C-alpha atoms as a PDB file:
ATOM      1  CA  MET A   1      23.583  -5.716 -19.989  1.00  0.00           C
ATOM      2  CA  LEU A   2      22.628  -7.581 -16.871  1.00  0.00           C
ATOM      3  CA  LYS A   3      25.579  -7.347 -14.592  1.00  0.00           C
ATOM      4  CA  GLN A   4      27.051 -10.699 -13.887  1.00  0.00           C
ATOM      5  CA  THR A   5      26.119 -11.838 -10.374  1.00  0.00           C
ATOM      6  CA  ALA A   6      24.972 -14.925  -8.469  1.00  0.00           C
ATOM      7  CA  PHE A   7      21.813 -15.058 -10.300  1.00  0.00           C
ATOM      8  CA  SER A   8      22.558 -12.891 -13.603  1.00  0.00           C
ATOM      9  CA  THR A   9      21.474 -15.278 -16.444  1.00  0.00           C
ATOM     10  CA  LEU A  10      17.701 -15.542 -17.533  1.00  0.00           C
ATOM     11  CA  SER A  11      17.847 -19.167 -16.363  1.00  0.00           C
ATOM     12  CA  THR A  12      18.639 -18.401 -12.916  1.00  0.00           C
ATOM     13  CA  LEU A  13      16.517 -15.299 -12.240  1.00  0.00           C
ATOM     14  CA  ASP A  14      14.024 -17.674 -10.700  1.00  0.00           C
ATOM     15  CA  PRO A  15      15.155 -16.986  -7.221  1.00  0.00           C
ATOM     16  CA  ILE A  16      15.338 -13.318  -7.789  1.00  0.00           C
ATOM     17  CA  ARG A  17      11.855 -13.276  -9.182  1.00  0.00           C
ATOM     18  CA  ASP A  18      10.310 -15.534  -6.216  1.00  0.00           C
ATOM     19  CA  GLY A  19      12.394 -13.383  -3.704  1.00  0.00           C
ATOM     20  CA  PHE A  20      10.588 -10.062  -5.002  1.00  0.00           C
ATOM     21  CA  ARG A  21       7.054 -11.766  -4.964  1.00  0.00           C
ATOM     22  CA  ALA A  22       7.429 -12.923  -1.347  1.00  0.00           C
ATOM     23  CA  ALA A  23       8.624  -9.571  -0.319  1.00  0.00           C
ATOM     24  CA  ILE A  24       5.781  -7.648  -2.334  1.00  0.00           C
ATOM     25  CA  ALA A  25       2.953 -10.319  -0.994  1.00  0.00           C
ATOM     26  CA  ARG A  26       4.360  -9.426   2.695  1.00  0.00           C
ATOM     27  CA  ALA A  27       4.215  -5.919   2.298  1.00  0.00           C
ATOM     28  CA  VAL A  28       0.988  -5.682   0.549  1.00  0.00           C
ATOM     29  CA  ASN A  29      -0.590  -6.808   3.958  1.00  0.00           C
ATOM     30  CA  THR A  30       0.806  -3.663   5.614  1.00  0.00           C
ATOM     31  CA  PHE A  31      -0.977  -0.990   3.515  1.00  0.00           C
ATOM     32  CA  GLY A  32      -3.112   0.886   5.990  1.00  0.00           C
ATOM     33  CA  ALA A  33      -0.520  -0.049   9.107  1.00  0.00           C
ATOM     34  CA  THR A  34       2.433   1.902   8.099  1.00  0.00           C
ATOM     35  CA  SER A  35       1.555   5.899   7.321  1.00  0.00           C
ATOM     36  CA  PRO A  36       3.271   8.023   7.042  1.00  0.00           C
ATOM     37  CA  ASN A  37       5.815   5.287   6.162  1.00  0.00           C
ATOM     38  CA  PRO A  38       5.624   3.405   3.080  1.00  0.00           C
ATOM     39  CA  SER A  39       4.881  -0.440   2.879  1.00  0.00           C
ATOM     40  CA  VAL A  40       8.443  -2.133   2.471  1.00  0.00           C
ATOM     41  CA  GLY A  41       9.340  -6.035   1.958  1.00  0.00           C
ATOM     42  CA  CYS A  42      12.737  -7.538   2.439  1.00  0.00           C
ATOM     43  CA  ALA A  43      13.879 -11.311   1.636  1.00  0.00           C
ATOM     44  CA  LEU A  44      16.786 -12.859   2.368  1.00  0.00           C
ATOM     45  CA  LEU A  45      18.464 -15.476   0.156  1.00  0.00           C
ATOM     46  CA  ASP A  46      21.287 -18.059   0.648  1.00  0.00           C
ATOM     47  CA  ARG A  47      23.778 -18.621  -2.004  1.00  0.00           C
ATOM     48  CA  GLU A  48      21.816 -20.869  -3.734  1.00  0.00           C
ATOM     49  CA  GLY A  49      19.010 -18.536  -4.008  1.00  0.00           C
ATOM     50  CA  ARG A  50      16.581 -20.260  -1.240  1.00  0.00           C
ATOM     51  CA  ILE A  51      14.518 -17.777   1.085  1.00  0.00           C
ATOM     52  CA  LEU A  52      15.516 -17.681   4.433  1.00  0.00           C
ATOM     53  CA  THR A  53      13.100 -14.964   5.758  1.00  0.00           C
ATOM     54  CA  VAL A  54      10.794 -12.216   4.800  1.00  0.00           C
ATOM     55  CA  GLY A  55      10.767  -9.024   6.636  1.00  0.00           C
ATOM     56  CA  VAL A  56       8.224  -5.983   6.464  1.00  0.00           C
ATOM     57  CA  HIS A  57       8.064  -2.575   8.219  1.00  0.00           C
ATOM     58  CA  PRO A  58       5.204  -3.259  10.608  1.00  0.00           C
ATOM     59  CA  LYS A  59       4.773   0.503  11.429  1.00  0.00           C
ATOM     60  CA  ALA A  60       5.946   3.804  11.858  1.00  0.00           C
ATOM     61  CA  GLY A  61       8.685   4.012  14.720  1.00  0.00           C
ATOM     62  CA  GLN A  62       9.646   0.336  14.419  1.00  0.00           C
ATOM     63  CA  PRO A  63      12.403  -1.504  12.570  1.00  0.00           C
ATOM     64  CA  HIS A  64      12.492  -1.324   8.565  1.00  0.00           C
ATOM     65  CA  ALA A  65      12.014  -3.936   6.439  1.00  0.00           C
ATOM     66  CA  GLU A  66      15.732  -4.920   6.027  1.00  0.00           C
ATOM     67  CA  ALA A  67      16.418  -4.739   9.822  1.00  0.00           C
ATOM     68  CA  MET A  68      13.544  -6.951  10.485  1.00  0.00           C
ATOM     69  CA  ALA A  69      14.566  -9.107   7.856  1.00  0.00           C
ATOM     70  CA  LEU A  70      17.926  -9.481   9.126  1.00  0.00           C
ATOM     71  CA  ALA A  71      17.064  -9.539  13.022  1.00  0.00           C
ATOM     72  CA  GLN A  72      14.742 -12.731  11.799  1.00  0.00           C
ATOM     73  CA  ALA A  73      17.462 -14.196  10.199  1.00  0.00           C
ATOM     74  CA  ARG A  74      19.553 -14.032  13.367  1.00  0.00           C
ATOM     75  CA  ASP A  75      16.989 -15.429  15.510  1.00  0.00           C
ATOM     76  CA  ALA A  76      16.435 -18.303  13.546  1.00  0.00           C
ATOM     77  CA  GLY A  77      20.363 -18.945  13.189  1.00  0.00           C
ATOM     78  CA  VAL A  78      20.736 -18.433   9.345  1.00  0.00           C
ATOM     79  CA  LEU A  79      21.916 -15.093   9.154  1.00  0.00           C
ATOM     80  CA  ASP A  80      25.412 -16.504   8.173  1.00  0.00           C
ATOM     81  CA  GLN A  81      24.039 -17.961   5.245  1.00  0.00           C
ATOM     82  CA  ALA A  82      22.460 -14.579   3.839  1.00  0.00           C
ATOM     83  CA  ARG A  83      24.073 -13.758   0.631  1.00  0.00           C
ATOM     84  CA  THR A  84      21.550 -11.860  -1.544  1.00  0.00           C
ATOM     85  CA  ALA A  85      18.622  -9.422  -0.297  1.00  0.00           C
ATOM     86  CA  ILE A  86      15.695  -8.046  -2.176  1.00  0.00           C
ATOM     87  CA  VAL A  87      14.359  -5.197  -0.909  1.00  0.00           C
ATOM     88  CA  THR A  88      10.967  -3.547  -2.592  1.00  0.00           C
ATOM     89  CA  LEU A  89      12.124  -0.282  -1.856  1.00  0.00           C
ATOM     90  CA  GLU A  90      16.131   1.363  -1.992  1.00  0.00           C
ATOM     91  CA  PRO A  91      17.248   0.869   1.735  1.00  0.00           C
ATOM     92  CA  CYS A  92      17.516   4.373   3.417  1.00  0.00           C
ATOM     93  CA  ASN A  93      20.747   6.275   4.211  1.00  0.00           C
ATOM     94  CA  HIS A  94      19.812   8.441   6.817  1.00  0.00           C
ATOM     95  CA  THR A  95      19.292   8.096  10.978  1.00  0.00           C
ATOM     96  CA  GLY A  96      15.577   8.884  11.565  1.00  0.00           C
ATOM     97  CA  ARG A  97      13.782   7.184  14.214  1.00  0.00           C
ATOM     98  CA  THR A  98      15.674   3.828  13.412  1.00  0.00           C
ATOM     99  CA  PRO A  99      19.369   3.561  11.642  1.00  0.00           C
ATOM    100  CA  PRO A 100      20.427   3.545   8.049  1.00  0.00           C
ATOM    101  CA  CYS A 101      19.339   0.258   6.881  1.00  0.00           C
ATOM    102  CA  SER A 102      22.146   0.717   4.127  1.00  0.00           C
ATOM    103  CA  GLU A 103      24.788   0.316   7.011  1.00  0.00           C
ATOM    104  CA  ALA A 104      22.683  -2.915   8.607  1.00  0.00           C
ATOM    105  CA  LEU A 105      23.085  -4.513   5.119  1.00  0.00           C
ATOM    106  CA  ARG A 106      26.922  -3.594   4.704  1.00  0.00           C
ATOM    107  CA  ASN A 107      27.320  -5.293   8.311  1.00  0.00           C
ATOM    108  CA  SER A 108      25.912  -8.376   7.432  1.00  0.00           C
ATOM    109  CA  PRO A 109      26.855 -11.318   5.255  1.00  0.00           C
ATOM    110  CA  VAL A 110      24.876  -9.987   2.067  1.00  0.00           C
ATOM    111  CA  GLU A 111      26.690  -9.605  -0.852  1.00  0.00           C
ATOM    112  CA  HIS A 112      24.240  -8.647  -3.487  1.00  0.00           C
ATOM    113  CA  VAL A 113      21.360  -6.257  -2.945  1.00  0.00           C
ATOM    114  CA  TRP A 114      18.870  -6.092  -5.423  1.00  0.00           C
ATOM    115  CA  ILE A 115      16.133  -2.858  -5.469  1.00  0.00           C
ATOM    116  CA  GLY A 116      12.417  -2.536  -6.902  1.00  0.00           C
ATOM    117  CA  VAL A 117      12.583   1.143  -6.833  1.00  0.00           C
ATOM    118  CA  ALA A 118      14.570   4.308  -5.764  1.00  0.00           C
ATOM    119  CA  ASP A 119      13.601   6.088  -2.671  1.00  0.00           C
ATOM    120  CA  PRO A 120      11.955   9.164  -3.989  1.00  0.00           C
ATOM    121  CA  THR A 121      12.764  11.252  -0.843  1.00  0.00           C
ATOM    122  CA  PRO A 122      16.089  13.107  -0.676  1.00  0.00           C
ATOM    123  CA  GLN A 123      16.676  12.670   2.698  1.00  0.00           C
ATOM    124  CA  ALA A 124      16.321   9.029   2.648  1.00  0.00           C
ATOM    125  CA  ALA A 125      17.881   8.369  -0.857  1.00  0.00           C
ATOM    126  CA  GLY A 126      21.527   7.339  -1.411  1.00  0.00           C
ATOM    127  CA  GLY A 127      21.055   3.693  -0.153  1.00  0.00           C
ATOM    128  CA  ALA A 128      22.671   2.366  -3.471  1.00  0.00           C
ATOM    129  CA  ALA A 129      25.345   4.251  -3.686  1.00  0.00           C
ATOM    130  CA  ARG A 130      26.012   3.723   0.049  1.00  0.00           C
ATOM    131  CA  LEU A 131      26.166  -0.271  -0.591  1.00  0.00           C
ATOM    132  CA  ARG A 132      28.349   0.149  -3.462  1.00  0.00           C
ATOM    133  CA  GLU A 133      30.916   2.252  -1.867  1.00  0.00           C
ATOM    134  CA  MET A 134      34.446   0.962  -1.376  1.00  0.00           C
ATOM    135  CA  PRO A 135      35.691  -0.650   0.582  1.00  0.00           C
ATOM    136  CA  GLY A 136      33.387  -3.204   1.402  1.00  0.00           C
ATOM    137  CA  GLY A 137      31.293  -2.304  -1.541  1.00  0.00           C
ATOM    138  CA  ARG A 138      28.136  -4.699  -2.427  1.00  0.00           C
ATOM    139  CA  ASP A 139      26.747  -5.542  -5.519  1.00  0.00           C
ATOM    140  CA  VAL A 140      23.537  -3.645  -6.275  1.00  0.00           C
ATOM    141  CA  THR A 141      20.961  -4.362  -9.106  1.00  0.00           C
ATOM    142  CA  PHE A 142      17.625  -2.155  -9.523  1.00  0.00           C
ATOM    143  CA  LEU A 143      14.748  -4.238 -11.207  1.00  0.00           C
ATOM    144  CA  LYS A 144      14.347  -1.129 -13.852  1.00  0.00           C
ATOM    145  CA  ASP A 145      17.868  -2.120 -15.386  1.00  0.00           C
ATOM    146  CA  VAL A 146      16.740  -5.855 -15.920  1.00  0.00           C
ATOM    147  CA  PRO A 147      14.068  -5.940 -18.807  1.00  0.00           C
ATOM    148  CA  GLU A 148      13.164  -9.597 -17.877  1.00  0.00           C
ATOM    149  CA  LEU A 149      11.920  -8.511 -14.425  1.00  0.00           C
ATOM    150  CA  THR A 150       9.585  -5.719 -15.390  1.00  0.00           C
ATOM    151  CA  ASP A 151       6.558  -6.866 -13.854  1.00  0.00           C
ATOM    152  CA  LEU A 152       8.219  -6.836 -10.885  1.00  0.00           C
ATOM    153  CA  TYR A 153       9.413  -3.092 -11.238  1.00  0.00           C
ATOM    154  CA  ARG A 154       5.710  -2.486 -11.925  1.00  0.00           C
ATOM    155  CA  ASP A 155       4.619  -4.162  -9.074  1.00  0.00           C
ATOM    156  CA  CYS A 156       7.444  -2.364  -6.926  1.00  0.00           C
ATOM    157  CA  ARG A 157       6.188   1.058  -8.092  1.00  0.00           C
ATOM    158  CA  ALA A 158       2.474   0.228  -7.300  1.00  0.00           C
ATOM    159  CA  LEU A 159       3.738  -0.839  -3.575  1.00  0.00           C
ATOM    160  CA  LEU A 160       5.130   2.564  -3.320  1.00  0.00           C
ATOM    161  CA  ALA A 161       2.724   4.261  -5.260  1.00  0.00           C
ATOM    162  CA  PRO A 162       0.669   5.869  -2.129  1.00  0.00           C
ATOM    163  CA  PHE A 163       3.501   7.191   0.008  1.00  0.00           C
ATOM    164  CA  GLN A 164       5.273   8.628  -3.249  1.00  0.00           C
ATOM    165  CA  ARG A 165       1.985  10.183  -4.233  1.00  0.00           C
ATOM    166  CA  ARG A 166       2.051  12.177  -0.843  1.00  0.00           C
ATOM    167  CA  VAL A 167       5.658  13.129  -0.493  1.00  0.00           C
ATOM    168  CA  MET A 168       5.908  14.221  -4.066  1.00  0.00           C
ATOM    169  CA  ARG A 169       2.707  15.828  -4.783  1.00  0.00           C
ATOM    170  CA  HIS A 170       1.276  16.671  -1.149  1.00  0.00           C
ATOM    171  CA  ARG A 171      -1.695  14.492  -1.647  1.00  0.00           C
ATOM    172  CA  PRO A 172      -2.694  10.838  -1.047  1.00  0.00           C
ATOM    173  CA  TRP A 173      -3.262   8.135  -3.501  1.00  0.00           C
ATOM    174  CA  ILE A 174      -7.128   8.552  -3.798  1.00  0.00           C
ATOM    175  CA  SER A 175      -9.102   5.295  -4.640  1.00  0.00           C
ATOM    176  CA  VAL A 176     -12.833   5.562  -5.586  1.00  0.00           C
ATOM    177  CA  LYS A 177     -15.115   2.621  -4.842  1.00  0.00           C
ATOM    178  CA  GLN A 178     -18.708   2.138  -6.960  1.00  0.00           C
ATOM    179  CA  ALA A 179     -21.244  -0.361  -7.090  1.00  0.00           C
ATOM    180  CA  LEU A 180     -23.894  -0.305  -9.602  1.00  0.00           C
ATOM    181  CA  ASP A 181     -26.598  -2.468 -10.457  1.00  0.00           C
ATOM    182  CA  ARG A 182     -27.500  -3.614 -13.975  1.00  0.00           C
ATOM    183  CA  ASP A 183     -29.200  -0.676 -14.509  1.00  0.00           C
ATOM    184  CA  GLY A 184     -26.395   1.789 -13.311  1.00  0.00           C
ATOM    185  CA  SER A 185     -28.020   2.856 -10.254  1.00  0.00           C
ATOM    186  CA  MET A 186     -26.214   3.174  -6.729  1.00  0.00           C
ATOM    187  CA  ILE A 187     -29.087   2.360  -4.629  1.00  0.00           C
ATOM    188  CA  PRO A 188     -29.865  -1.055  -3.145  1.00  0.00           C
ATOM    189  CA  PRO A 189     -33.475  -2.495  -3.380  1.00  0.00           C
ATOM    190  CA  VAL A 190     -35.812  -1.585  -0.480  1.00  0.00           C
ATOM    191  CA  GLY A 191     -34.901  -3.433   2.589  1.00  0.00           C
ATOM    192  CA  GLN A 192     -30.920  -4.293   1.555  1.00  0.00           C
ATOM    193  CA  THR A 193     -28.078  -2.460   2.251  1.00  0.00           C
ATOM    194  CA  THR A 194     -26.100  -3.936  -0.984  1.00  0.00           C
ATOM    195  CA  PHE A 195     -26.694  -5.754  -3.942  1.00  0.00           C
ATOM    196  CA  THR A 196     -22.888  -6.902  -4.707  1.00  0.00           C
ATOM    197  CA  SER A 197     -21.832 -10.401  -4.278  1.00  0.00           C
ATOM    198  CA  GLU A 198     -19.626 -11.937  -1.407  1.00  0.00           C
ATOM    199  CA  ALA A 199     -16.525 -11.584  -3.355  1.00  0.00           C
ATOM    200  CA  SER A 200     -17.069  -7.915  -4.301  1.00  0.00           C
ATOM    201  CA  LEU A 201     -17.836  -7.430  -0.522  1.00  0.00           C
ATOM    202  CA  MET A 202     -14.851  -8.958   0.384  1.00  0.00           C
ATOM    203  CA  LEU A 203     -12.704  -6.951  -2.023  1.00  0.00           C
ATOM    204  CA  ALA A 204     -14.397  -3.433  -0.399  1.00  0.00           C
ATOM    205  CA  HIS A 205     -13.449  -4.308   2.820  1.00  0.00           C
ATOM    206  CA  ARG A 206      -9.778  -5.261   1.988  1.00  0.00           C
ATOM    207  CA  LEU A 207      -9.822  -1.883   0.572  1.00  0.00           C
ATOM    208  CA  ARG A 208     -11.116  -0.232   3.806  1.00  0.00           C
ATOM    209  CA  ARG A 209      -8.464  -1.958   5.419  1.00  0.00           C
ATOM    210  CA  ALA A 210      -5.408  -0.849   3.050  1.00  0.00           C
ATOM    211  CA  THR A 211      -6.355   2.395   3.230  1.00  0.00           C
ATOM    212  CA  ASP A 212      -5.614   5.470   5.866  1.00  0.00           C
ATOM    213  CA  ALA A 213      -8.753   7.349   5.447  1.00  0.00           C
ATOM    214  CA  ILE A 214     -12.122   7.491   3.902  1.00  0.00           C
ATOM    215  CA  ILE A 215     -13.849  10.314   2.147  1.00  0.00           C
ATOM    216  CA  THR A 216     -17.834  10.480   2.148  1.00  0.00           C
ATOM    217  CA  GLY A 217     -20.548  13.126   1.720  1.00  0.00           C
ATOM    218  CA  VAL A 218     -22.902  14.037   4.323  1.00  0.00           C
ATOM    219  CA  GLY A 219     -25.909  12.738   2.008  1.00  0.00           C
ATOM    220  CA  THR A 220     -24.511   9.372   2.284  1.00  0.00           C
ATOM    221  CA  VAL A 221     -24.393   9.558   6.198  1.00  0.00           C
ATOM    222  CA  LEU A 222     -27.863  11.121   6.380  1.00  0.00           C
ATOM    223  CA  ALA A 223     -29.244   8.379   4.233  1.00  0.00           C
ATOM    224  CA  ASP A 224     -27.569   5.488   5.132  1.00  0.00           C
ATOM    225  CA  LYS A 225     -25.734   6.105   8.631  1.00  0.00           C
ATOM    226  CA  PRO A 226     -22.753   3.759   7.277  1.00  0.00           C
ATOM    227  CA  ARG A 227     -20.316   2.470   9.882  1.00  0.00           C
ATOM    228  CA  PHE A 228     -17.183   2.147   7.419  1.00  0.00           C
ATOM    229  CA  THR A 229     -15.812  -0.599   9.723  1.00  0.00           C
ATOM    230  CA  VAL A 230     -13.644  -3.382   8.300  1.00  0.00           C
ATOM    231  CA  ARG A 231     -15.498  -6.812   8.450  1.00  0.00           C
ATOM    232  CA  ARG A 232     -14.660  -9.727   6.554  1.00  0.00           C
ATOM    233  CA  VAL A 233     -11.102  -9.395   7.008  1.00  0.00           C
ATOM    234  CA  GLN A 234      -8.781  -8.861  10.180  1.00  0.00           C
ATOM    235  CA  ASP A 235      -7.871  -5.254  10.561  1.00  0.00           C
ATOM    236  CA  HIS A 236      -4.661  -4.138  11.708  1.00  0.00           C
ATOM    237  CA  ALA A 237      -4.044  -4.908  15.411  1.00  0.00           C
ATOM    238  CA  GLY A 238      -3.699  -1.628  17.301  1.00  0.00           C
ATOM    239  CA  ARG A 239      -3.685   0.632  14.003  1.00  0.00           C
ATOM    240  CA  ALA A 240      -4.110   4.453  14.728  1.00  0.00           C
ATOM    241  CA  LYS A 241      -7.301   6.042  14.289  1.00  0.00           C
ATOM    242  CA  ARG A 242      -8.469   5.997  11.024  1.00  0.00           C
ATOM    243  CA  LEU A 243      -9.111   9.346   9.435  1.00  0.00           C
ATOM    244  CA  LEU A 244     -12.872  10.086   8.072  1.00  0.00           C
ATOM    245  CA  VAL A 245     -13.583  13.001   6.094  1.00  0.00           C
ATOM    246  CA  VAL A 246     -17.205  14.238   5.631  1.00  0.00           C
ATOM    247  CA  CYS A 247     -17.884  16.988   3.023  1.00  0.00           C
ATOM    248  CA  ASP A 248     -20.203  18.920   4.586  1.00  0.00           C
ATOM    249  CA  ARG A 249     -20.972  22.326   3.165  1.00  0.00           C
ATOM    250  CA  HIS A 250     -24.031  23.462   5.292  1.00  0.00           C
ATOM    251  CA  GLY A 251     -23.222  21.879   8.599  1.00  0.00           C
ATOM    252  CA  ARG A 252     -25.591  19.188   8.441  1.00  0.00           C
ATOM    253  CA  LEU A 253     -23.301  16.235  10.046  1.00  0.00           C
ATOM    254  CA  PRO A 254     -25.290  14.488  12.626  1.00  0.00           C
ATOM    255  CA  ALA A 255     -23.488  15.080  16.208  1.00  0.00           C
ATOM    256  CA  ASP A 256     -25.026  11.644  17.386  1.00  0.00           C
ATOM    257  CA  TRP A 257     -23.566   9.873  14.076  1.00  0.00           C
ATOM    258  CA  LYS A 258     -19.864  11.480  14.767  1.00  0.00           C
ATOM    259  CA  ALA A 259     -19.878  10.963  18.329  1.00  0.00           C
ATOM    260  CA  GLU A 260     -20.661   6.833  17.452  1.00  0.00           C
ATOM    261  CA  MET A 261     -17.786   6.998  14.447  1.00  0.00           C
ATOM    262  CA  GLU A 262     -15.329   8.647  16.939  1.00  0.00           C
ATOM    263  CA  GLN A 263     -16.108   5.640  19.698  1.00  0.00           C
ATOM    264  CA  SER A 264     -15.700   3.269  17.012  1.00  0.00           C
ATOM    265  CA  GLY A 265     -12.001   4.302  16.503  1.00  0.00           C
ATOM    266  CA  PHE A 266     -12.226   7.123  13.440  1.00  0.00           C
ATOM    267  CA  ASP A 267     -11.108  10.494  13.592  1.00  0.00           C
ATOM    268  CA  VAL A 268     -13.874  12.221  12.054  1.00  0.00           C
ATOM    269  CA  LEU A 269     -12.915  15.659  10.013  1.00  0.00           C
ATOM    270  CA  THR A 270     -15.434  17.826   8.035  1.00  0.00           C
ATOM    271  CA  SER A 271     -14.605  19.836   4.971  1.00  0.00           C
ATOM    272  CA  THR A 272     -16.839  22.534   3.031  1.00  0.00           C
ATOM    273  CA  ASP A 273     -14.205  21.958  -0.142  1.00  0.00           C
ATOM    274  CA  LEU A 274     -13.508  19.034  -1.880  1.00  0.00           C
ATOM    275  CA  LEU A 275     -10.642  20.135  -3.657  1.00  0.00           C
ATOM    276  CA  ALA A 276      -9.187  21.081  -0.201  1.00  0.00           C
ATOM    277  CA  VAL A 277      -9.426  17.592   1.363  1.00  0.00           C
ATOM    278  CA  PRO A 278      -6.277  15.716  -0.386  1.00  0.00           C
ATOM    279  CA  ALA A 279      -3.776  18.375   1.104  1.00  0.00           C
ATOM    280  CA  MET A 280      -5.932  18.226   4.251  1.00  0.00           C
ATOM    281  CA  LEU A 281      -5.244  14.511   4.514  1.00  0.00           C
ATOM    282  CA  ALA A 282      -1.390  14.864   3.378  1.00  0.00           C
ATOM    283  CA  ASP A 283      -0.610  17.093   6.208  1.00  0.00           C
ATOM    284  CA  ARG A 284      -1.987  14.491   8.650  1.00  0.00           C
ATOM    285  CA  GLY A 285       0.498  11.761   6.820  1.00  0.00           C
ATOM    286  CA  VAL A 286      -2.256   9.832   5.016  1.00  0.00           C
ATOM    287  CA  ASN A 287      -0.873   7.712   2.022  1.00  0.00           C
ATOM    288  CA  TRP A 288      -4.126   6.413   0.799  1.00  0.00           C
ATOM    289  CA  ALA A 289      -7.406   7.389   0.978  1.00  0.00           C
ATOM    290  CA  MET A 290     -10.503   5.674  -0.461  1.00  0.00           C
ATOM    291  CA  VAL A 291     -13.782   7.430  -1.328  1.00  0.00           C
ATOM    292  CA  GLU A 292     -17.423   5.794  -0.612  1.00  0.00           C
ATOM    293  CA  ALA A 293     -19.913   8.374  -1.243  1.00  0.00           C
ATOM    294  CA  GLY A 294     -23.400   9.093  -3.311  1.00  0.00           C
ATOM    295  CA  PRO A 295     -23.587  10.048  -7.233  1.00  0.00           C
ATOM    296  CA  ALA A 296     -23.133  13.885  -6.484  1.00  0.00           C
ATOM    297  CA  LEU A 297     -19.756  13.261  -4.707  1.00  0.00           C
ATOM    298  CA  LEU A 298     -18.524  10.968  -7.266  1.00  0.00           C
ATOM    299  CA  LYS A 299     -19.532  13.263 -10.151  1.00  0.00           C
ATOM    300  CA  THR A 300     -17.361  16.286  -8.458  1.00  0.00           C
ATOM    301  CA  MET A 301     -14.281  13.831  -7.928  1.00  0.00           C
ATOM    302  CA  SER A 302     -14.790  12.526 -11.472  1.00  0.00           C
ATOM    303  CA  GLU A 303     -14.868  15.987 -12.619  1.00  0.00           C
ATOM    304  CA  ALA A 304     -12.095  17.465 -10.740  1.00  0.00           C
ATOM    305  CA  GLY A 305      -9.578  14.603 -11.685  1.00  0.00           C
ATOM    306  CA  LEU A 306      -8.793  14.007  -8.123  1.00  0.00           C
ATOM    307  CA  TRP A 307      -9.137  10.025  -8.143  1.00  0.00           C
ATOM    308  CA  ASP A 308      -6.125   8.092  -9.075  1.00  0.00           C
ATOM    309  CA  ASP A 309      -7.574   4.998  -9.427  1.00  0.00           C
ATOM    310  CA  TRP A 310     -11.357   3.881  -9.709  1.00  0.00           C
ATOM    311  CA  LEU A 311     -13.250   0.459  -9.093  1.00  0.00           C
ATOM    312  CA  THR A 312     -16.185  -0.031 -10.251  1.00  0.00           C
ATOM    313  CA  ILE A 313     -18.233  -3.234  -9.306  1.00  0.00           C
ATOM    314  CA  ARG A 314     -21.222  -3.589 -11.677  1.00  0.00           C
ATOM    315  CA  LYS A 315     -24.097  -6.213 -11.068  1.00  0.00           C
ATOM    316  CA  ASP A 316     -24.398  -8.602 -13.998  1.00  0.00           C
ATOM    317  CA  GLY A 317     -26.771 -11.297 -13.545  1.00  0.00           C
ATOM    318  CA  ASP A 318     -25.380 -13.323 -10.798  1.00  0.00           C
ATOM    319  CA  THR A 319     -22.528 -11.945 -11.099  1.00  0.00           C
ATOM    320  CA  ASP A 320     -20.361  -8.910 -10.633  1.00  0.00           C
ATOM    321  CA  HIS A 321     -18.426  -7.290 -13.190  1.00  0.00           C
ATOM    322  CA  ILE A 322     -15.123  -5.828 -11.987  1.00  0.00           C
ATOM    323  CA  THR A 323     -13.190  -2.879 -13.711  1.00  0.00           C
ATOM    324  CA  LEU A 324     -10.268  -0.892 -12.722  1.00  0.00           C
ATOM    325  CA  GLN A 325      -9.144   2.529 -14.226  1.00  0.00           C
ATOM    326  CA  SER A 326      -5.967   3.858 -12.932  1.00  0.00           C
ATOM    327  CA  ARG A 327      -3.576   6.947 -13.719  1.00  0.00           C
ATOM    328  CA  ASP A 328      -0.458   4.872 -12.943  1.00  0.00           C
ATOM    329  CA  GLU A 329       0.485   1.941 -11.461  1.00  0.00           C
ATOM    330  CA  SER A 330      -2.204   0.760  -8.815  1.00  0.00           C
ATOM    331  CA  PRO A 331      -1.956  -0.304  -5.174  1.00  0.00           C
ATOM    332  CA  LEU A 332      -5.493  -1.407  -5.711  1.00  0.00           C
ATOM    333  CA  ARG A 333      -4.474  -3.835  -8.406  1.00  0.00           C
ATOM    334  CA  LEU A 334      -1.455  -5.219  -5.982  1.00  0.00           C
ATOM    335  CA  LEU A 335      -4.309  -5.792  -3.409  1.00  0.00           C
ATOM    336  CA  ARG A 336      -6.883  -7.682  -5.456  1.00  0.00           C
ATOM    337  CA  GLU A 337      -3.464  -9.720  -7.118  1.00  0.00           C
ATOM    338  CA  ASN A 338      -2.380 -10.698  -3.605  1.00  0.00           C
ATOM    339  CA  ALA A 339      -5.940 -11.153  -1.776  1.00  0.00           C
ATOM    340  CA  CYS A 340      -5.402 -14.917  -0.730  1.00  0.00           C
ATOM    341  CA  SER A 341      -2.773 -13.753   1.895  1.00  0.00           C
ATOM    342  CA  LEU A 342      -5.306 -11.768   3.187  1.00  0.00           C
ATOM    343  CA  GLU A 343      -8.205 -14.427   3.560  1.00  0.00           C
ATOM    344  CA  SER A 344      -5.998 -17.392   4.692  1.00  0.00           C
END
């Protein structure tokens, strides 16, 4: 039974839906910038349900989404109008590099707090309980308790999936990207570097931007001398060095290529054991990794079950047919659905 709040009837859930959509869309743009922290968005609404501001957590060490939204509202002179906070992740309840967001919300005019998903980490969880604590408690609603908003609950789970995979399983979320021609081959025609459409290339570069690390094989390096840079979309300004793991069992990685990649902003690592790579990346705070490699490494990835979602781009005449398999709520699905915000 839905609790009676400012927007508790089905006919008045539209402001909540709009607020979550705005918070999620803004947070999706931070994929690849916040590691080892999650991507989080927060929207503040006035009493009539109008969006006053949307804040996101820009990167580790900077204010969380709730603090950003409150500060933006204060700077705009509208903080006193804020009555509802919509947050994709449960506000934290501990002091780390930033103060607890639960306290920041309690010290604001916000009366109602809507939460996308609970925080999976014991040290940060408990924000909802603190917000409800009397005296001065706030009304708190989780999306999982509102059947009419199940789609938004799924989106918030997808937004958190890379972070949750690392903190709960000690491995990043791993996305495989595979391009195939109409005959099922991954090899481009002679003289070409790709056979996919411009739209597919745009998606591939959005995925590179969103991930913290790339996994490839030494065979791919020797054959193609890939650069793995983000093009076609603007990369995160001032982002930390991205990890690039090359699976190389026999020490064949060219030293000059490694030096060039390090000069272009990558931290290049090698591994003789593909099965050890997920834990290696988790140790370095990687939330989301993508695989760009040839058939042999992809076959091993598939047989070992190391992937979380698998993007297949298959050339089909003059167009591409794109399919996405996923073991859980996929951040890549969310990235595709919110693509327009990156291209505008």
